[in-house]
Amino acid sequence: MPEPLDRGVSPETAVPRITLSDGSRIPQIGLGVLRIGNGDVSAVVRAALESGYRHIDTAAGYGNEAGTGDGIRCAGFAAGKPRESLWVTTKVRDSQQGYDQTLRAFDAQLESLGLDYVDMYMIHWPTPFNWRSGDTWRAMAQLRSQGLVKSIGVCNFMPEHLDRLYGEVGEYPVINQIELHPTWQQRQTVEYCTRHGIAVQAYSPMARGADLTAGGGIIRKIAKAHHKTEAQVILRWHIENRTVIIPKTTHRARMAENLSLFDFALTPDEHKAIDSLDSPQRAGHDPYTFSYS
């Protein structure tokens, strides 16, 4: 379990980097920009980078890659040493999966972002009802070989989808981004990923805020004991599980709060209490039926 860091450490220094199976090192905390309009996201991204974030997560399906790229440029992180310190993830739109389609889609996405490369390119959903992940992966591997993409991963893949992908391409993704929070822990999928060297990344790490009140006051009680917020307690639980997290916020104060997770640690009993909140109810979409077209 990670030890708390000293107070006063700068956020970009404090945030650990998780080493992926390909040797890349991803900051464990990033900013998710889902449902932030293209006209608004530039200012949000710039504020995040100024607050110490070094990991931004977007997607073609979010419709805000151009604004995300603008925020990166305005903050001075589009080139040189600052760009090398930054991790940028984007994802292929599900309707553009397939070998040729993915290559064309990526060209347009990179142009929208205004970057020379992205650190992570992902298959957004497995779409088992219209499976093209093998061909999509081969296109992504081609982009990786050209240096346009540093690492390749997937989102929302369940063990059977990962088995199928590996059977077609002979390679596991370096990371699997899934819905993961105290009331939806996906333990079977997490165990599979751990066993195969696939890092786990959590979107909706607080169930869109619903988990802040989970357990009839358990989170609140732990937060009070540490003089922290309920959100910080949940995010710290993720950190101690070595999960990569991308909490979303548009407020600079909450950005700082979400990075302030390294001056305290949960006790073993507190960690187990949050573990006990697992339930059979997801907050988001079902990977077996959903497509982010």
Protein backbone atom coordinates (compact mmCIF):
# COMPACT_ATOMS: atom_id res chain seq x y z
CA MET A 1 0.00 0.00 0.00
CA PRO A 2 1.51 3.41 -0.95
CA GLU A 3 2.72 5.53 1.96
CA PRO A 4 1.49 9.12 2.34
CA LEU A 5 3.87 11.74 0.96
CA ASP A 6 5.03 14.83 2.80
CA ARG A 7 2.87 17.93 2.60
CA GLY A 8 4.14 20.62 0.27
CA VAL A 9 5.22 18.29 -2.54
CA SER A 10 4.18 19.73 -5.91
CA PRO A 11 1.29 17.81 -7.56
CA GLU A 12 3.20 16.88 -10.71
CA THR A 13 5.98 15.45 -8.54
CA ALA A 14 3.66 13.72 -6.09
CA VAL A 15 1.53 11.84 -8.62
CA PRO A 16 3.08 8.39 -9.18
CA ARG A 17 3.53 6.94 -12.64
CA ILE A 18 2.45 3.37 -13.29
CA THR A 19 4.83 1.42 -15.51
CA LEU A 20 2.91 -0.35 -18.28
CA SER A 21 3.92 -3.66 -19.85
CA ASP A 22 5.51 -1.83 -22.80
CA GLY A 23 7.69 0.25 -20.47
CA SER A 24 5.69 3.47 -20.79
CA ARG A 25 4.93 5.30 -17.55
CA ILE A 26 1.43 6.76 -17.17
CA PRO A 27 0.57 9.29 -14.44
CA GLN A 28 -1.81 7.56 -12.04
CA ILE A 29 -4.15 10.57 -11.93
CA GLY A 30 -5.49 12.25 -15.05
CA LEU A 31 -8.28 14.57 -16.09
CA GLY A 32 -11.24 13.10 -17.96
CA VAL A 33 -13.05 15.50 -20.31
CA LEU A 34 -16.22 13.53 -21.13
CA ARG A 35 -19.28 15.77 -21.58
CA ILE A 36 -17.27 18.99 -21.63
CA GLY A 37 -18.16 20.97 -24.74
CA ASN A 38 -15.50 21.70 -27.35
CA GLY A 39 -15.88 25.42 -26.69
CA ASP A 40 -15.36 25.01 -22.95
CA VAL A 41 -12.73 22.30 -22.71
CA SER A 42 -9.71 24.42 -23.65
CA ALA A 43 -9.95 26.50 -20.48
CA VAL A 44 -10.54 23.36 -18.39
CA VAL A 45 -7.48 21.59 -19.79
CA ARG A 46 -5.33 24.67 -19.35
CA ALA A 47 -6.45 25.00 -15.72
CA ALA A 48 -5.67 21.32 -15.11
CA LEU A 49 -2.16 21.59 -16.53
CA GLU A 50 -1.52 24.74 -14.51
CA SER A 51 -2.75 22.84 -11.42
CA GLY A 52 -0.19 20.07 -11.93
CA TYR A 53 -2.01 17.47 -14.04
CA ARG A 54 0.18 15.70 -16.57
CA HIS A 55 -2.43 13.32 -17.98
CA ILE A 56 -5.42 14.27 -20.16
CA ASP A 57 -7.97 11.72 -21.40
CA THR A 58 -10.24 12.50 -24.37
CA ALA A 59 -11.87 10.61 -27.26
CA ALA A 60 -13.22 11.16 -30.76
CA GLY A 61 -16.66 10.36 -29.40
CA TYR A 62 -16.50 13.25 -26.95
CA GLY A 63 -16.40 15.78 -29.77
CA ASN A 64 -13.82 17.93 -27.98
CA GLU A 65 -10.40 16.90 -29.29
CA ALA A 66 -9.83 20.27 -30.99
CA GLY A 67 -10.60 22.15 -27.79
CA THR A 68 -8.46 19.74 -25.78
CA GLY A 69 -5.53 20.36 -28.12
CA ASP A 70 -6.07 24.10 -27.87
CA GLY A 71 -5.88 23.91 -24.08
CA ILE A 72 -2.65 21.94 -24.30
CA ARG A 73 -1.14 24.55 -26.63
CA CYS A 74 -2.34 27.50 -24.54
CA ALA A 75 -0.75 25.97 -21.46
CA GLY A 76 2.56 25.52 -23.33
CA PHE A 77 2.52 21.72 -23.42
CA ALA A 78 2.29 21.03 -27.17
CA ALA A 79 6.01 20.65 -27.86
CA GLY A 80 9.46 20.21 -26.36
CA LYS A 81 10.15 19.13 -22.79
CA PRO A 82 6.67 20.09 -21.56
CA ARG A 83 5.12 17.77 -24.17
CA GLU A 84 7.43 14.96 -23.08
CA SER A 85 6.13 15.36 -19.51
CA LEU A 86 2.48 15.10 -20.60
CA TRP A 87 0.39 11.99 -21.23
CA VAL A 88 -2.42 12.40 -23.79
CA THR A 89 -4.96 9.65 -24.44
CA THR A 90 -7.60 9.54 -27.14
CA LYS A 91 -9.87 6.83 -28.54
CA VAL A 92 -11.16 5.74 -31.92
CA ARG A 93 -14.86 6.24 -32.53
CA ASP A 94 -16.67 2.87 -32.66
CA SER A 95 -18.25 3.62 -36.05
CA GLN A 96 -14.72 4.12 -37.43
CA GLN A 97 -13.28 0.82 -36.26
CA GLY A 98 -11.59 -1.38 -38.86
CA TYR A 99 -8.10 -1.23 -40.36
CA ASP A 100 -8.40 1.45 -43.04
CA GLN A 101 -11.10 3.36 -41.16
CA THR A 102 -8.96 3.58 -38.02
CA LEU A 103 -5.94 4.88 -39.91
CA ARG A 104 -8.06 7.59 -41.54
CA ALA A 105 -9.75 8.42 -38.24
CA PHE A 106 -6.46 8.78 -36.43
CA ASP A 107 -5.08 11.19 -39.02
CA ALA A 108 -8.08 13.45 -38.46
CA GLN A 109 -7.86 13.11 -34.67
CA LEU A 110 -4.17 13.99 -34.56
CA GLU A 111 -4.85 17.03 -36.72
CA SER A 112 -7.68 18.09 -34.41
CA LEU A 113 -5.46 17.75 -31.37
CA GLY A 114 -2.66 19.64 -33.09
CA LEU A 115 -0.04 17.22 -31.75
CA ASP A 116 2.75 15.21 -33.34
CA TYR A 117 1.76 12.02 -31.49
CA VAL A 118 -0.47 10.70 -28.72
CA ASP A 119 0.74 8.69 -25.77
CA MET A 120 -2.22 6.29 -25.78
CA TYR A 121 -4.69 5.30 -28.50
CA MET A 122 -7.61 3.10 -27.46
CA ILE A 123 -10.46 1.04 -28.83
CA HIS A 124 -13.39 2.73 -27.10
CA TRP A 125 -15.86 -0.19 -26.86
CA PRO A 126 -15.53 -3.86 -27.88
CA THR A 127 -18.85 -3.88 -29.84
CA PRO A 128 -19.07 -7.71 -29.83
CA PHE A 129 -22.22 -7.46 -31.97
CA ASN A 130 -20.06 -5.88 -34.73
CA TRP A 131 -16.58 -7.07 -33.82
CA ARG A 132 -13.71 -5.34 -35.63
CA SER A 133 -11.25 -5.11 -32.78
CA GLY A 134 -8.62 -7.33 -34.42
CA ASP A 135 -8.42 -5.17 -37.55
CA THR A 136 -8.61 -1.99 -35.46
CA TRP A 137 -5.76 -3.24 -33.29
CA ARG A 138 -3.58 -3.97 -36.33
CA ALA A 139 -4.08 -0.39 -37.50
CA MET A 140 -3.18 0.91 -34.05
CA ALA A 141 -0.06 -1.27 -34.03
CA GLN A 142 0.89 0.23 -37.39
CA LEU A 143 0.54 3.72 -35.91
CA ARG A 144 2.68 2.62 -32.98
CA SER A 145 5.41 1.37 -35.31
CA GLN A 146 5.44 4.80 -36.97
CA GLY A 147 5.87 6.60 -33.64
CA LEU A 148 2.51 8.35 -33.92
CA VAL A 149 1.19 6.40 -30.94
CA LYS A 150 3.34 5.39 -27.98
CA SER A 151 1.03 2.81 -26.36
CA ILE A 152 -2.20 1.09 -27.36
CA GLY A 153 -5.02 -0.04 -25.14
CA VAL A 154 -8.72 -0.74 -24.88
CA CYS A 155 -11.76 0.45 -22.94
CA ASN A 156 -14.65 -1.57 -21.56
CA PHE A 157 -13.24 -4.98 -22.55
CA MET A 158 -14.39 -7.94 -20.48
CA PRO A 159 -12.22 -11.08 -20.13
CA GLU A 160 -13.87 -12.84 -23.07
CA HIS A 161 -13.21 -9.78 -25.28
CA LEU A 162 -9.58 -9.71 -24.19
CA ASP A 163 -9.28 -13.45 -24.91
CA ARG A 164 -10.75 -12.93 -28.37
CA LEU A 165 -8.46 -10.00 -29.13
CA TYR A 166 -5.38 -11.89 -27.99
CA GLY A 167 -6.40 -14.88 -30.11
CA GLU A 168 -6.53 -12.65 -33.19
CA VAL A 169 -3.47 -10.44 -32.67
CA GLY A 170 -1.26 -12.33 -30.20
CA GLU A 171 -0.93 -9.34 -27.91
CA TYR A 172 -2.66 -7.96 -24.84
CA PRO A 173 -3.39 -4.25 -24.46
CA VAL A 174 -1.19 -2.45 -21.96
CA ILE A 175 -4.24 -0.97 -20.23
CA ASN A 176 -7.99 -1.56 -20.00
CA GLN A 177 -10.12 1.47 -19.08
CA ILE A 178 -13.33 0.33 -17.40
CA GLU A 179 -16.11 1.63 -15.20
CA LEU A 180 -14.77 1.03 -11.70
CA HIS A 181 -15.77 2.47 -8.34
CA PRO A 182 -16.57 1.20 -4.82
CA THR A 183 -20.07 -0.02 -5.73
CA TRP A 184 -18.96 -1.60 -9.05
CA GLN A 185 -15.54 -3.16 -8.56
CA GLN A 186 -15.47 -5.64 -11.46
CA ARG A 187 -13.22 -7.98 -9.52
CA GLN A 188 -13.18 -10.74 -12.12
CA THR A 189 -12.09 -8.34 -14.85
CA VAL A 190 -9.51 -6.69 -12.59
CA GLU A 191 -8.09 -10.09 -11.62
CA TYR A 192 -7.88 -11.12 -15.29
CA CYS A 193 -6.08 -7.91 -16.20
CA THR A 194 -3.62 -8.25 -13.32
CA ARG A 195 -2.86 -11.84 -14.30
CA HIS A 196 -2.11 -10.83 -17.90
CA GLY A 197 -0.07 -7.73 -17.16
CA ILE A 198 -2.81 -5.30 -18.20
CA ALA A 199 -3.03 -2.13 -16.11
CA VAL A 200 -6.52 -1.11 -14.97
CA GLN A 201 -7.82 2.41 -15.46
CA ALA A 202 -11.05 3.63 -13.85
CA TYR A 203 -13.49 6.02 -15.40
CA SER A 204 -16.40 7.20 -13.24
CA PRO A 205 -14.17 6.48 -10.21
CA MET A 206 -16.89 7.86 -7.92
CA ALA A 207 -19.92 6.60 -9.93
CA ARG A 208 -20.61 10.16 -11.11
CA GLY A 209 -20.81 11.21 -7.47
CA ALA A 210 -23.26 8.52 -6.38
CA ASP A 211 -20.66 6.64 -4.34
CA LEU A 212 -19.91 9.66 -2.16
CA THR A 213 -22.87 8.61 0.02
CA ALA A 214 -22.49 4.85 -0.40
CA GLY A 215 -22.56 2.58 2.61
CA GLY A 216 -24.80 4.65 4.81
CA GLY A 217 -22.08 7.04 5.94
CA ILE A 218 -18.98 4.81 5.75
CA ILE A 219 -17.17 7.13 3.34
CA ARG A 220 -18.16 10.21 5.36
CA LYS A 221 -16.86 8.68 8.58
CA ILE A 222 -13.49 7.82 7.00
CA ALA A 223 -13.24 11.29 5.47
CA LYS A 224 -13.87 12.95 8.83
CA ALA A 225 -11.17 10.84 10.47
CA HIS A 226 -8.58 12.07 7.97
CA HIS A 227 -9.89 15.64 7.59
CA LYS A 228 -10.45 14.93 3.92
CA THR A 229 -13.46 15.00 1.61
CA GLU A 230 -15.48 11.94 0.64
CA ALA A 231 -14.14 12.28 -2.91
CA GLN A 232 -10.54 12.21 -1.70
CA VAL A 233 -11.20 9.07 0.34
CA ILE A 234 -12.60 7.23 -2.68
CA LEU A 235 -9.80 8.39 -4.95
CA ARG A 236 -7.22 7.38 -2.34
CA TRP A 237 -8.78 3.89 -2.27
CA HIS A 238 -8.19 3.68 -6.03
CA ILE A 239 -4.61 4.92 -5.65
CA GLU A 240 -3.87 2.24 -3.06
CA ASN A 241 -5.27 -0.37 -5.47
CA ARG A 242 -2.77 0.88 -8.11
CA THR A 243 -5.64 1.83 -10.38
CA VAL A 244 -5.12 4.68 -12.86
CA ILE A 245 -7.92 7.22 -12.36
CA ILE A 246 -9.35 10.03 -14.50
CA PRO A 247 -11.81 11.97 -12.32
CA LYS A 248 -13.68 14.68 -14.21
CA THR A 249 -14.15 18.20 -12.95
CA THR A 250 -14.34 21.65 -14.50
CA HIS A 251 -13.48 23.48 -11.27
CA ARG A 252 -9.90 24.45 -10.44
CA ALA A 253 -10.43 23.96 -6.68
CA ARG A 254 -11.64 20.40 -7.21
CA MET A 255 -8.74 19.72 -9.56
CA ALA A 256 -6.37 20.60 -6.74
CA GLU A 257 -8.43 18.50 -4.31
CA ASN A 258 -8.29 15.48 -6.61
CA LEU A 259 -4.50 15.69 -6.71
CA SER A 260 -4.17 16.04 -2.94
CA LEU A 261 -4.20 12.33 -2.15
CA PHE A 262 -0.67 11.70 -0.99
CA ASP A 263 -0.53 13.18 2.51
CA PHE A 264 -2.71 10.47 4.05
CA ALA A 265 -3.36 6.73 3.77
CA LEU A 266 -6.33 4.54 4.59
CA THR A 267 -5.95 2.09 7.42
CA PRO A 268 -6.37 -1.59 6.48
CA ASP A 269 -9.81 -1.60 8.14
CA GLU A 270 -10.87 1.53 6.24
CA HIS A 271 -9.72 0.05 2.96
CA LYS A 272 -11.65 -3.16 3.68
CA ALA A 273 -14.74 -1.14 4.57
CA ILE A 274 -14.70 0.45 1.12
CA ASP A 275 -14.06 -2.96 -0.45
CA SER A 276 -17.26 -4.15 1.22
CA LEU A 277 -19.38 -1.63 -0.72
CA ASP A 278 -19.23 -3.69 -3.94
CA SER A 279 -22.64 -4.30 -5.53
CA PRO A 280 -24.12 -5.79 -8.73
CA GLN A 281 -25.25 -2.39 -10.05
CA ARG A 282 -23.26 -0.48 -12.67
CA ALA A 283 -23.71 3.27 -13.21
CA GLY A 284 -22.81 3.33 -16.90
CA HIS A 285 -23.29 1.36 -20.11
CA ASP A 286 -23.07 -2.38 -20.75
CA PRO A 287 -20.04 -3.34 -22.91
CA TYR A 288 -22.00 -6.19 -24.44
CA THR A 289 -24.60 -3.89 -26.00
CA PHE A 290 -23.23 -0.32 -26.15
CA SER A 291 -21.48 1.54 -28.95
CA TYR A 292 -20.08 5.07 -28.75
CA SER A 293 -20.85 5.83 -32.40
